[in-house]
Amino acid sequence: MTSPDESPEIIMFVRHGEKPGDGGPPHGVNTLGEVDEHSLSVRGWTRAGALAGLFAHAPSRAHPHVTTPERIFATRPTSEVKSKREMDTASPTARRLSLHVDDRHTRGEEAELTQEVLGSHEATLIVWHHGSMAKLVGHFPVVNGNDVPGEWPEERFDLIWILVREPGPALSYRFVVVPQMLLADDSEVT
């Protein structure tokens, strides 16, 4: 078992930014502004840039549990899952903080990612697919596991799920949800 001293104080989880509509506007666009159904929408790119500022200047009065990540993980596109949105969302923060996005883990490898995260004391940001976010969080030792939603809310791109390490000799985390409050119509409700 990993000791608390070897594990991060804070682990943050975000869903990728807003995606394109189903077959119509808003369209996904790549970094060159070309239509790409697997990339973020313009609103998603706006969120990705705003997240970079949030994480670079963390913590703040509005976001006391948010910290500047020292490492970033994101899922990469595969032949089965072509989404570039997780990498699109993580990349502006990584560039702003001069970090590398670790994309060695993909969906289905949540247990392996958990072990890697717990094996280092560095504050960690994970940008993951919302459909398997609850599964990923479930691999961590969470004391208030009943507070973890069974799934990330489908319509919400404006949340940060955070694990805050609990004091004591046994490794455990408390689950907290905070609203990002970055874009004009982000909700303050979690």
N, C-alpha and C. Protein backbone atom coordinates (compact mmCIF):
# COMPACT_ATOMS: atom_id res chain seq x y z
N MET A 1 0.84 -1.20 0.00
CA MET A 1 0.00 0.00 0.00
C MET A 1 0.88 1.24 0.00
N THR A 2 0.50 2.21 -0.78
CA THR A 2 1.23 3.47 -0.88
C THR A 2 1.05 4.27 0.41
N SER A 3 2.13 4.90 0.86
CA SER A 3 2.04 5.70 2.08
C SER A 3 1.53 7.09 1.73
N PRO A 4 0.86 7.75 2.69
CA PRO A 4 0.35 9.10 2.42
C PRO A 4 1.45 10.07 2.02
N ASP A 5 2.65 9.93 2.59
CA ASP A 5 3.74 10.85 2.27
C ASP A 5 4.20 10.76 0.82
N GLU A 6 3.93 9.64 0.17
CA GLU A 6 4.36 9.44 -1.22
C GLU A 6 3.29 9.86 -2.22
N SER A 7 2.11 10.19 -1.74
CA SER A 7 0.96 10.46 -2.62
C SER A 7 0.61 11.94 -2.64
N PRO A 8 -0.08 12.38 -3.69
CA PRO A 8 -0.43 13.80 -3.80
C PRO A 8 -1.38 14.27 -2.70
N GLU A 9 -1.21 15.52 -2.31
CA GLU A 9 -2.17 16.15 -1.39
C GLU A 9 -3.49 16.40 -2.13
N ILE A 10 -3.37 16.78 -3.40
CA ILE A 10 -4.54 17.16 -4.21
C ILE A 10 -4.48 16.43 -5.55
N ILE A 11 -5.62 15.85 -5.94
CA ILE A 11 -5.79 15.25 -7.27
C ILE A 11 -7.04 15.87 -7.86
N MET A 12 -6.91 16.47 -9.03
CA MET A 12 -8.03 17.18 -9.66
C MET A 12 -8.43 16.48 -10.95
N PHE A 13 -9.73 16.44 -11.20
CA PHE A 13 -10.28 15.78 -12.39
C PHE A 13 -11.17 16.77 -13.13
N VAL A 14 -10.94 16.91 -14.43
CA VAL A 14 -11.84 17.71 -15.24
C VAL A 14 -12.23 16.92 -16.48
N ARG A 15 -13.43 17.19 -16.91
CA ARG A 15 -13.91 16.65 -18.17
C ARG A 15 -13.36 17.55 -19.28
N HIS A 16 -13.21 17.00 -20.46
CA HIS A 16 -12.80 17.83 -21.59
C HIS A 16 -13.78 18.98 -21.78
N GLY A 17 -13.33 20.02 -22.46
CA GLY A 17 -14.20 21.15 -22.77
C GLY A 17 -15.31 20.77 -23.73
N GLU A 18 -16.18 21.73 -23.98
CA GLU A 18 -17.37 21.49 -24.80
C GLU A 18 -17.02 20.90 -26.16
N LYS A 19 -17.91 20.01 -26.59
CA LYS A 19 -17.69 19.28 -27.84
C LYS A 19 -18.62 19.79 -28.93
N PRO A 20 -18.37 19.34 -30.17
CA PRO A 20 -19.25 19.75 -31.27
C PRO A 20 -20.64 19.18 -31.12
N GLY A 21 -21.59 19.80 -31.84
CA GLY A 21 -22.94 19.27 -31.89
C GLY A 21 -22.97 17.99 -32.71
N ASP A 22 -24.03 17.24 -32.60
CA ASP A 22 -24.18 16.00 -33.35
C ASP A 22 -24.52 16.30 -34.81
N GLY A 23 -23.51 16.36 -35.65
CA GLY A 23 -23.72 16.56 -37.08
C GLY A 23 -23.99 17.99 -37.51
N GLY A 24 -24.00 18.92 -36.58
CA GLY A 24 -24.25 20.32 -36.93
C GLY A 24 -23.53 21.24 -35.97
N PRO A 25 -23.83 22.54 -36.05
CA PRO A 25 -23.16 23.49 -35.17
C PRO A 25 -23.50 23.23 -33.70
N PRO A 26 -22.66 23.57 -32.78
CA PRO A 26 -21.34 24.13 -33.03
C PRO A 26 -20.38 23.05 -33.53
N HIS A 27 -19.49 23.45 -34.41
CA HIS A 27 -18.54 22.51 -34.99
C HIS A 27 -17.30 22.41 -34.11
N GLY A 28 -16.66 21.25 -34.15
CA GLY A 28 -15.35 21.11 -33.53
C GLY A 28 -14.32 21.71 -34.47
N VAL A 29 -13.29 22.31 -33.89
CA VAL A 29 -12.21 22.87 -34.70
C VAL A 29 -10.87 22.49 -34.08
N ASN A 30 -9.88 22.25 -34.94
CA ASN A 30 -8.55 21.94 -34.43
C ASN A 30 -7.79 23.23 -34.17
N THR A 31 -6.52 23.12 -33.80
CA THR A 31 -5.74 24.30 -33.45
C THR A 31 -5.50 25.23 -34.64
N LEU A 32 -5.72 24.73 -35.85
CA LEU A 32 -5.57 25.57 -37.05
C LEU A 32 -6.88 26.21 -37.47
N GLY A 33 -7.96 25.95 -36.72
CA GLY A 33 -9.27 26.50 -37.04
C GLY A 33 -10.02 25.70 -38.08
N GLU A 34 -9.53 24.51 -38.41
CA GLU A 34 -10.18 23.65 -39.40
C GLU A 34 -11.23 22.79 -38.71
N VAL A 35 -12.34 22.54 -39.40
CA VAL A 35 -13.41 21.71 -38.84
C VAL A 35 -12.85 20.32 -38.53
N ASP A 36 -13.10 19.86 -37.31
CA ASP A 36 -12.63 18.54 -36.86
C ASP A 36 -13.62 18.02 -35.83
N GLU A 37 -14.40 17.03 -36.19
CA GLU A 37 -15.44 16.51 -35.30
C GLU A 37 -14.90 15.89 -34.02
N HIS A 38 -13.61 15.60 -33.96
CA HIS A 38 -13.01 14.97 -32.78
C HIS A 38 -12.36 15.98 -31.85
N SER A 39 -12.37 17.26 -32.22
CA SER A 39 -11.76 18.31 -31.41
C SER A 39 -12.84 19.09 -30.65
N LEU A 40 -12.40 20.06 -29.88
CA LEU A 40 -13.30 20.90 -29.10
C LEU A 40 -14.06 21.87 -29.99
N SER A 41 -15.21 22.32 -29.49
CA SER A 41 -15.91 23.44 -30.12
C SER A 41 -15.17 24.73 -29.72
N VAL A 42 -15.56 25.85 -30.31
CA VAL A 42 -14.94 27.13 -29.94
C VAL A 42 -15.12 27.37 -28.45
N ARG A 43 -16.31 27.08 -27.93
CA ARG A 43 -16.55 27.24 -26.49
C ARG A 43 -15.62 26.33 -25.68
N GLY A 44 -15.40 25.12 -26.15
CA GLY A 44 -14.49 24.20 -25.47
C GLY A 44 -13.06 24.72 -25.44
N TRP A 45 -12.61 25.31 -26.56
CA TRP A 45 -11.27 25.91 -26.58
C TRP A 45 -11.20 27.10 -25.62
N THR A 46 -12.29 27.86 -25.54
CA THR A 46 -12.33 28.99 -24.61
C THR A 46 -12.17 28.48 -23.18
N ARG A 47 -12.88 27.40 -22.85
CA ARG A 47 -12.77 26.81 -21.51
C ARG A 47 -11.35 26.30 -21.26
N ALA A 48 -10.76 25.63 -22.25
CA ALA A 48 -9.41 25.09 -22.08
C ALA A 48 -8.42 26.21 -21.75
N GLY A 49 -8.55 27.35 -22.44
CA GLY A 49 -7.68 28.48 -22.15
C GLY A 49 -7.93 29.07 -20.77
N ALA A 50 -9.20 29.15 -20.39
CA ALA A 50 -9.55 29.68 -19.07
C ALA A 50 -9.04 28.76 -17.96
N LEU A 51 -9.10 27.45 -18.18
CA LEU A 51 -8.56 26.50 -17.19
C LEU A 51 -7.06 26.71 -17.01
N ALA A 52 -6.35 27.01 -18.09
CA ALA A 52 -4.90 27.25 -17.98
C ALA A 52 -4.63 28.41 -17.02
N GLY A 53 -5.42 29.48 -17.14
CA GLY A 53 -5.26 30.61 -16.23
C GLY A 53 -5.64 30.25 -14.80
N LEU A 54 -6.73 29.51 -14.64
CA LEU A 54 -7.16 29.09 -13.31
C LEU A 54 -6.07 28.29 -12.61
N PHE A 55 -5.54 27.28 -13.30
CA PHE A 55 -4.53 26.42 -12.67
C PHE A 55 -3.20 27.15 -12.46
N ALA A 56 -2.85 28.07 -13.34
CA ALA A 56 -1.59 28.80 -13.20
C ALA A 56 -1.61 29.72 -11.98
N HIS A 57 -2.79 30.21 -11.61
CA HIS A 57 -2.89 31.17 -10.51
C HIS A 57 -3.54 30.58 -9.26
N ALA A 58 -3.62 29.28 -9.18
CA ALA A 58 -4.25 28.62 -8.03
C ALA A 58 -3.28 28.58 -6.85
N PRO A 59 -3.83 28.49 -5.63
CA PRO A 59 -5.24 28.56 -5.28
C PRO A 59 -5.73 30.01 -5.26
N SER A 60 -7.04 30.16 -5.22
CA SER A 60 -7.64 31.49 -5.13
C SER A 60 -8.76 31.44 -4.10
N ARG A 61 -9.26 32.60 -3.74
CA ARG A 61 -10.35 32.65 -2.78
C ARG A 61 -11.57 31.89 -3.31
N ALA A 62 -11.83 32.01 -4.61
CA ALA A 62 -12.98 31.33 -5.21
C ALA A 62 -12.75 29.83 -5.37
N HIS A 63 -11.50 29.41 -5.41
CA HIS A 63 -11.16 28.00 -5.65
C HIS A 63 -10.08 27.54 -4.66
N PRO A 64 -10.38 27.48 -3.37
CA PRO A 64 -9.34 27.16 -2.38
C PRO A 64 -8.78 25.74 -2.49
N HIS A 65 -9.54 24.79 -3.01
CA HIS A 65 -9.04 23.42 -3.13
C HIS A 65 -8.25 23.19 -4.41
N VAL A 66 -8.36 24.10 -5.35
CA VAL A 66 -7.65 23.96 -6.61
C VAL A 66 -6.20 24.39 -6.39
N THR A 67 -5.27 23.62 -6.93
CA THR A 67 -3.85 23.95 -6.82
C THR A 67 -3.22 23.88 -8.20
N THR A 68 -2.05 24.44 -8.33
CA THR A 68 -1.34 24.36 -9.60
C THR A 68 -0.81 22.95 -9.78
N PRO A 69 -1.21 22.27 -10.85
CA PRO A 69 -0.73 20.90 -11.03
C PRO A 69 0.76 20.85 -11.34
N GLU A 70 1.38 19.79 -10.85
CA GLU A 70 2.79 19.54 -11.15
C GLU A 70 2.95 18.47 -12.21
N ARG A 71 1.84 17.79 -12.51
CA ARG A 71 1.81 16.84 -13.62
C ARG A 71 0.39 16.72 -14.12
N ILE A 72 0.27 16.37 -15.39
CA ILE A 72 -1.03 16.31 -16.06
C ILE A 72 -1.14 15.01 -16.83
N PHE A 73 -2.27 14.34 -16.66
CA PHE A 73 -2.58 13.14 -17.43
C PHE A 73 -3.82 13.42 -18.27
N ALA A 74 -3.85 12.88 -19.49
CA ALA A 74 -5.03 12.98 -20.34
C ALA A 74 -5.07 11.77 -21.26
N THR A 75 -6.29 11.36 -21.62
CA THR A 75 -6.42 10.27 -22.58
C THR A 75 -6.09 10.78 -23.97
N ARG A 76 -5.50 9.92 -24.76
CA ARG A 76 -5.15 10.26 -26.14
C ARG A 76 -6.13 9.57 -27.09
N PRO A 77 -6.22 10.05 -28.31
CA PRO A 77 -7.06 9.37 -29.29
C PRO A 77 -6.51 7.96 -29.58
N THR A 78 -7.41 7.03 -29.80
CA THR A 78 -7.03 5.67 -30.20
C THR A 78 -7.86 5.30 -31.43
N SER A 79 -7.60 4.14 -31.97
CA SER A 79 -8.39 3.71 -33.14
C SER A 79 -9.84 3.46 -32.75
N GLU A 80 -10.09 3.12 -31.46
CA GLU A 80 -11.46 2.88 -31.00
C GLU A 80 -12.15 4.18 -30.55
N VAL A 81 -11.40 5.05 -29.89
CA VAL A 81 -11.94 6.31 -29.37
C VAL A 81 -11.12 7.43 -29.99
N LYS A 82 -11.72 8.14 -30.92
CA LYS A 82 -10.97 9.11 -31.73
C LYS A 82 -10.93 10.52 -31.13
N SER A 83 -11.58 10.73 -30.00
CA SER A 83 -11.66 12.06 -29.41
C SER A 83 -10.27 12.62 -29.10
N LYS A 84 -10.06 13.86 -29.54
CA LYS A 84 -8.85 14.61 -29.22
C LYS A 84 -9.14 15.61 -28.10
N ARG A 85 -10.39 15.62 -27.62
CA ARG A 85 -10.83 16.68 -26.71
C ARG A 85 -10.12 16.68 -25.36
N GLU A 86 -9.77 15.52 -24.84
CA GLU A 86 -9.06 15.49 -23.57
C GLU A 86 -7.67 16.14 -23.72
N MET A 87 -6.96 15.78 -24.78
CA MET A 87 -5.65 16.40 -25.03
C MET A 87 -5.80 17.88 -25.36
N ASP A 88 -6.84 18.23 -26.14
CA ASP A 88 -7.09 19.64 -26.45
C ASP A 88 -7.31 20.45 -25.18
N THR A 89 -7.99 19.87 -24.21
CA THR A 89 -8.29 20.57 -22.96
C THR A 89 -7.06 20.68 -22.07
N ALA A 90 -6.25 19.63 -22.02
CA ALA A 90 -5.07 19.61 -21.16
C ALA A 90 -3.92 20.45 -21.70
N SER A 91 -3.79 20.54 -23.01
CA SER A 91 -2.61 21.16 -23.62
C SER A 91 -2.39 22.63 -23.26
N PRO A 92 -3.40 23.50 -23.23
CA PRO A 92 -3.13 24.89 -22.85
C PRO A 92 -2.58 25.02 -21.42
N THR A 93 -3.09 24.23 -20.49
CA THR A 93 -2.57 24.26 -19.12
C THR A 93 -1.13 23.77 -19.10
N ALA A 94 -0.86 22.70 -19.82
CA ALA A 94 0.50 22.16 -19.87
C ALA A 94 1.47 23.20 -20.45
N ARG A 95 1.07 23.84 -21.54
CA ARG A 95 1.94 24.87 -22.13
C ARG A 95 2.17 26.02 -21.16
N ARG A 96 1.10 26.45 -20.51
CA ARG A 96 1.22 27.59 -19.57
C ARG A 96 2.16 27.27 -18.42
N LEU A 97 2.15 26.01 -17.97
CA LEU A 97 2.96 25.61 -16.82
C LEU A 97 4.26 24.92 -17.22
N SER A 98 4.55 24.86 -18.51
CA SER A 98 5.75 24.17 -19.02
C SER A 98 5.81 22.72 -18.55
N LEU A 99 4.67 22.03 -18.67
CA LEU A 99 4.58 20.62 -18.30
C LEU A 99 4.30 19.78 -19.55
N HIS A 100 4.56 18.51 -19.43
CA HIS A 100 4.25 17.53 -20.47
C HIS A 100 2.91 16.89 -20.12
N VAL A 101 2.06 16.64 -21.09
CA VAL A 101 0.83 15.89 -20.85
C VAL A 101 1.16 14.41 -21.02
N ASP A 102 0.99 13.66 -19.95
CA ASP A 102 1.24 12.21 -19.98
C ASP A 102 -0.01 11.54 -20.54
N ASP A 103 0.11 10.96 -21.72
CA ASP A 103 -1.04 10.33 -22.37
C ASP A 103 -0.86 8.82 -22.53
N ARG A 104 -0.05 8.23 -21.66
CA ARG A 104 0.21 6.79 -21.76
C ARG A 104 -0.99 5.94 -21.37
N HIS A 105 -1.93 6.48 -20.62
CA HIS A 105 -3.09 5.71 -20.17
C HIS A 105 -4.32 6.11 -20.96
N THR A 106 -5.13 5.13 -21.32
CA THR A 106 -6.36 5.39 -22.04
C THR A 106 -7.52 4.80 -21.25
N ARG A 107 -8.73 5.06 -21.73
CA ARG A 107 -9.91 4.49 -21.08
C ARG A 107 -9.75 2.99 -20.96
N GLY A 108 -10.16 2.46 -19.82
CA GLY A 108 -9.98 1.04 -19.54
C GLY A 108 -8.74 0.77 -18.72
N GLU A 109 -7.87 1.77 -18.56
CA GLU A 109 -6.64 1.63 -17.78
C GLU A 109 -6.69 2.49 -16.52
N GLU A 110 -7.89 2.63 -15.95
CA GLU A 110 -8.07 3.49 -14.78
C GLU A 110 -7.29 2.98 -13.57
N ALA A 111 -7.25 1.67 -13.35
CA ALA A 111 -6.53 1.12 -12.19
C ALA A 111 -5.04 1.41 -12.30
N GLU A 112 -4.48 1.26 -13.49
CA GLU A 112 -3.05 1.53 -13.68
C GLU A 112 -2.74 3.01 -13.49
N LEU A 113 -3.61 3.87 -14.00
CA LEU A 113 -3.41 5.30 -13.82
C LEU A 113 -3.46 5.66 -12.33
N THR A 114 -4.40 5.09 -11.61
CA THR A 114 -4.51 5.36 -10.18
C THR A 114 -3.22 5.03 -9.46
N GLN A 115 -2.65 3.87 -9.74
CA GLN A 115 -1.40 3.47 -9.08
C GLN A 115 -0.27 4.44 -9.42
N GLU A 116 -0.22 4.88 -10.66
CA GLU A 116 0.82 5.83 -11.04
C GLU A 116 0.64 7.16 -10.31
N VAL A 117 -0.58 7.65 -10.24
CA VAL A 117 -0.85 8.91 -9.55
C VAL A 117 -0.47 8.80 -8.07
N LEU A 118 -0.86 7.72 -7.43
CA LEU A 118 -0.60 7.55 -6.00
C LEU A 118 0.88 7.32 -5.70
N GLY A 119 1.67 7.00 -6.70
CA GLY A 119 3.09 6.73 -6.50
C GLY A 119 3.97 7.96 -6.50
N SER A 120 3.39 9.14 -6.59
CA SER A 120 4.17 10.37 -6.59
C SER A 120 3.44 11.43 -5.77
N HIS A 121 4.20 12.26 -5.09
CA HIS A 121 3.60 13.30 -4.24
C HIS A 121 3.12 14.52 -5.02
N GLU A 122 3.35 14.58 -6.33
CA GLU A 122 3.05 15.78 -7.10
C GLU A 122 1.54 16.00 -7.26
N ALA A 123 1.13 17.26 -7.08
CA ALA A 123 -0.27 17.63 -7.34
C ALA A 123 -0.59 17.27 -8.79
N THR A 124 -1.75 16.64 -8.99
CA THR A 124 -2.05 16.03 -10.29
C THR A 124 -3.37 16.52 -10.85
N LEU A 125 -3.37 16.80 -12.15
CA LEU A 125 -4.58 17.10 -12.91
C LEU A 125 -4.80 15.96 -13.89
N ILE A 126 -6.03 15.43 -13.91
CA ILE A 126 -6.39 14.37 -14.83
C ILE A 126 -7.55 14.87 -15.70
N VAL A 127 -7.36 14.86 -17.01
CA VAL A 127 -8.41 15.22 -17.96
C VAL A 127 -8.85 13.91 -18.61
N TRP A 128 -10.06 13.50 -18.31
CA TRP A 128 -10.52 12.16 -18.66
C TRP A 128 -11.88 12.24 -19.33
N HIS A 129 -12.27 11.17 -19.94
CA HIS A 129 -13.60 11.09 -20.56
C HIS A 129 -14.65 11.01 -19.46
N HIS A 130 -15.70 11.80 -19.57
CA HIS A 130 -16.70 11.87 -18.50
C HIS A 130 -17.40 10.54 -18.27
N GLY A 131 -17.51 9.71 -19.29
CA GLY A 131 -18.22 8.44 -19.15
C GLY A 131 -17.53 7.45 -18.24
N SER A 132 -16.24 7.62 -18.00
CA SER A 132 -15.53 6.71 -17.10
C SER A 132 -14.85 7.44 -15.94
N MET A 133 -15.24 8.70 -15.71
CA MET A 133 -14.65 9.48 -14.62
C MET A 133 -14.99 8.89 -13.25
N ALA A 134 -16.25 8.51 -13.03
CA ALA A 134 -16.64 7.94 -11.74
C ALA A 134 -15.89 6.64 -11.48
N LYS A 135 -15.72 5.84 -12.52
CA LYS A 135 -14.95 4.60 -12.39
C LYS A 135 -13.52 4.90 -11.97
N LEU A 136 -12.92 5.91 -12.60
CA LEU A 136 -11.55 6.30 -12.26
C LEU A 136 -11.46 6.74 -10.81
N VAL A 137 -12.32 7.63 -10.38
CA VAL A 137 -12.30 8.12 -9.00
C VAL A 137 -12.53 6.98 -8.02
N GLY A 138 -13.34 6.00 -8.41
CA GLY A 138 -13.61 4.85 -7.56
C GLY A 138 -12.41 3.99 -7.24
N HIS A 139 -11.33 4.13 -8.00
CA HIS A 139 -10.11 3.36 -7.73
C HIS A 139 -9.27 3.99 -6.61
N PHE A 140 -9.58 5.22 -6.23
CA PHE A 140 -8.83 5.91 -5.17
C PHE A 140 -9.48 5.62 -3.82
N PRO A 141 -8.69 5.65 -2.73
CA PRO A 141 -9.26 5.43 -1.40
C PRO A 141 -10.01 6.68 -0.92
N VAL A 142 -11.30 6.72 -1.16
CA VAL A 142 -12.12 7.90 -0.86
C VAL A 142 -12.97 7.61 0.38
N VAL A 143 -12.85 8.45 1.42
CA VAL A 143 -13.58 8.21 2.67
C VAL A 143 -15.07 8.51 2.53
N ASN A 144 -15.43 9.40 1.66
CA ASN A 144 -16.84 9.74 1.45
C ASN A 144 -17.29 9.28 0.06
N GLY A 145 -17.02 8.03 -0.24
CA GLY A 145 -17.31 7.47 -1.56
C GLY A 145 -18.76 7.59 -1.98
N ASN A 146 -19.69 7.64 -1.01
CA ASN A 146 -21.10 7.80 -1.36
C ASN A 146 -21.40 9.17 -1.96
N ASP A 147 -20.49 10.13 -1.77
CA ASP A 147 -20.67 11.47 -2.34
C ASP A 147 -20.24 11.54 -3.81
N VAL A 148 -19.51 10.54 -4.27
CA VAL A 148 -19.05 10.52 -5.67
C VAL A 148 -20.23 10.14 -6.55
N PRO A 149 -20.62 11.00 -7.48
CA PRO A 149 -21.74 10.64 -8.37
C PRO A 149 -21.43 9.37 -9.16
N GLY A 150 -22.47 8.64 -9.50
CA GLY A 150 -22.30 7.43 -10.29
C GLY A 150 -21.77 7.71 -11.68
N GLU A 151 -21.98 8.93 -12.15
CA GLU A 151 -21.44 9.35 -13.44
C GLU A 151 -21.33 10.87 -13.46
N TRP A 152 -20.43 11.35 -14.29
CA TRP A 152 -20.27 12.79 -14.48
C TRP A 152 -21.53 13.30 -15.17
N PRO A 153 -22.13 14.38 -14.70
CA PRO A 153 -23.35 14.88 -15.34
C PRO A 153 -23.13 15.19 -16.83
N GLU A 154 -23.96 14.63 -17.67
CA GLU A 154 -23.79 14.71 -19.13
C GLU A 154 -23.67 16.14 -19.65
N GLU A 155 -24.45 17.05 -19.09
CA GLU A 155 -24.48 18.41 -19.62
C GLU A 155 -23.47 19.35 -18.97
N ARG A 156 -22.67 18.86 -18.02
CA ARG A 156 -21.76 19.72 -17.27
C ARG A 156 -20.32 19.60 -17.74
N PHE A 157 -19.78 20.72 -18.20
CA PHE A 157 -18.37 20.82 -18.58
C PHE A 157 -17.64 21.72 -17.59
N ASP A 158 -18.39 22.29 -16.63
CA ASP A 158 -17.90 23.36 -15.77
C ASP A 158 -17.65 22.95 -14.33
N LEU A 159 -17.25 21.70 -14.12
CA LEU A 159 -16.98 21.21 -12.77
C LEU A 159 -15.54 20.75 -12.65
N ILE A 160 -15.05 20.75 -11.42
CA ILE A 160 -13.78 20.12 -11.09
C ILE A 160 -14.07 19.16 -9.95
N TRP A 161 -13.76 17.90 -10.15
CA TRP A 161 -13.82 16.93 -9.06
C TRP A 161 -12.44 16.91 -8.43
N ILE A 162 -12.40 16.97 -7.10
CA ILE A 162 -11.12 17.06 -6.41
C ILE A 162 -11.07 16.03 -5.29
N LEU A 163 -9.92 15.39 -5.16
CA LEU A 163 -9.63 14.53 -4.02
C LEU A 163 -8.61 15.25 -3.16
N VAL A 164 -8.97 15.48 -1.89
CA VAL A 164 -8.10 16.16 -0.93
C VAL A 164 -7.64 15.11 0.07
N ARG A 165 -6.32 14.95 0.19
CA ARG A 165 -5.79 13.92 1.09
C ARG A 165 -6.16 14.22 2.54
N GLU A 166 -6.63 13.19 3.22
CA GLU A 166 -7.00 13.29 4.63
C GLU A 166 -5.76 13.12 5.51
N PRO A 167 -5.73 13.77 6.66
CA PRO A 167 -4.61 13.56 7.58
C PRO A 167 -4.70 12.16 8.20
N GLY A 168 -3.58 11.66 8.66
CA GLY A 168 -3.56 10.36 9.33
C GLY A 168 -2.61 9.39 8.68
N PRO A 169 -2.39 8.26 9.34
CA PRO A 169 -1.40 7.30 8.85
C PRO A 169 -1.86 6.49 7.64
N ALA A 170 -3.18 6.34 7.46
CA ALA A 170 -3.69 5.57 6.32
C ALA A 170 -3.98 6.52 5.16
N LEU A 171 -3.65 6.10 3.96
CA LEU A 171 -3.90 6.92 2.78
C LEU A 171 -5.39 6.96 2.48
N SER A 172 -5.97 8.16 2.49
CA SER A 172 -7.37 8.33 2.14
C SER A 172 -7.59 9.76 1.65
N TYR A 173 -8.65 9.91 0.88
CA TYR A 173 -8.99 11.21 0.30
C TYR A 173 -10.44 11.54 0.57
N ARG A 174 -10.73 12.84 0.64
CA ARG A 174 -12.09 13.35 0.71
C ARG A 174 -12.45 13.90 -0.66
N PHE A 175 -13.63 13.51 -1.16
CA PHE A 175 -14.12 13.94 -2.46
C PHE A 175 -14.84 15.27 -2.33
N VAL A 176 -14.51 16.21 -3.20
CA VAL A 176 -15.11 17.54 -3.22
C VAL A 176 -15.42 17.90 -4.68
N VAL A 177 -16.54 18.55 -4.91
CA VAL A 177 -16.87 19.06 -6.25
C VAL A 177 -16.90 20.58 -6.16
N VAL A 178 -16.21 21.23 -7.09
CA VAL A 178 -16.26 22.69 -7.12
C VAL A 178 -16.64 23.16 -8.52
N PRO A 179 -17.43 24.23 -8.61
CA PRO A 179 -17.75 24.79 -9.92
C PRO A 179 -16.55 25.58 -10.45
N GLN A 180 -16.31 25.50 -11.75
CA GLN A 180 -15.19 26.25 -12.33
C GLN A 180 -15.47 27.75 -12.34
N MET A 181 -16.68 28.15 -12.68
CA MET A 181 -17.08 29.56 -12.75
C MET A 181 -16.13 30.36 -13.64
N LEU A 182 -15.84 29.83 -14.83
CA LEU A 182 -14.90 30.47 -15.74
C LEU A 182 -15.56 31.19 -16.90
N LEU A 183 -16.65 30.63 -17.42
CA LEU A 183 -17.33 31.22 -18.57
C LEU A 183 -18.64 31.85 -18.12
N ALA A 184 -19.17 32.74 -18.94
CA ALA A 184 -20.30 33.59 -18.55
C ALA A 184 -21.49 32.83 -17.99
N ASP A 185 -21.84 31.69 -18.55
CA ASP A 185 -23.02 30.99 -18.04
C ASP A 185 -22.68 29.71 -17.28
N ASP A 186 -21.46 29.60 -16.75
CA ASP A 186 -21.14 28.48 -15.86
C ASP A 186 -22.00 28.57 -14.61
N SER A 187 -22.40 27.43 -14.11
CA SER A 187 -23.26 27.38 -12.93
C SER A 187 -22.42 27.38 -11.66
N GLU A 188 -22.94 28.04 -10.63
CA GLU A 188 -22.29 27.98 -9.32
C GLU A 188 -22.75 26.78 -8.52
N VAL A 189 -23.73 26.06 -9.05
CA VAL A 189 -24.28 24.88 -8.39
C VAL A 189 -23.45 23.67 -8.78
N THR A 190 -23.14 22.82 -7.81
CA THR A 190 -22.38 21.62 -8.12
C THR A 190 -23.31 20.45 -8.21
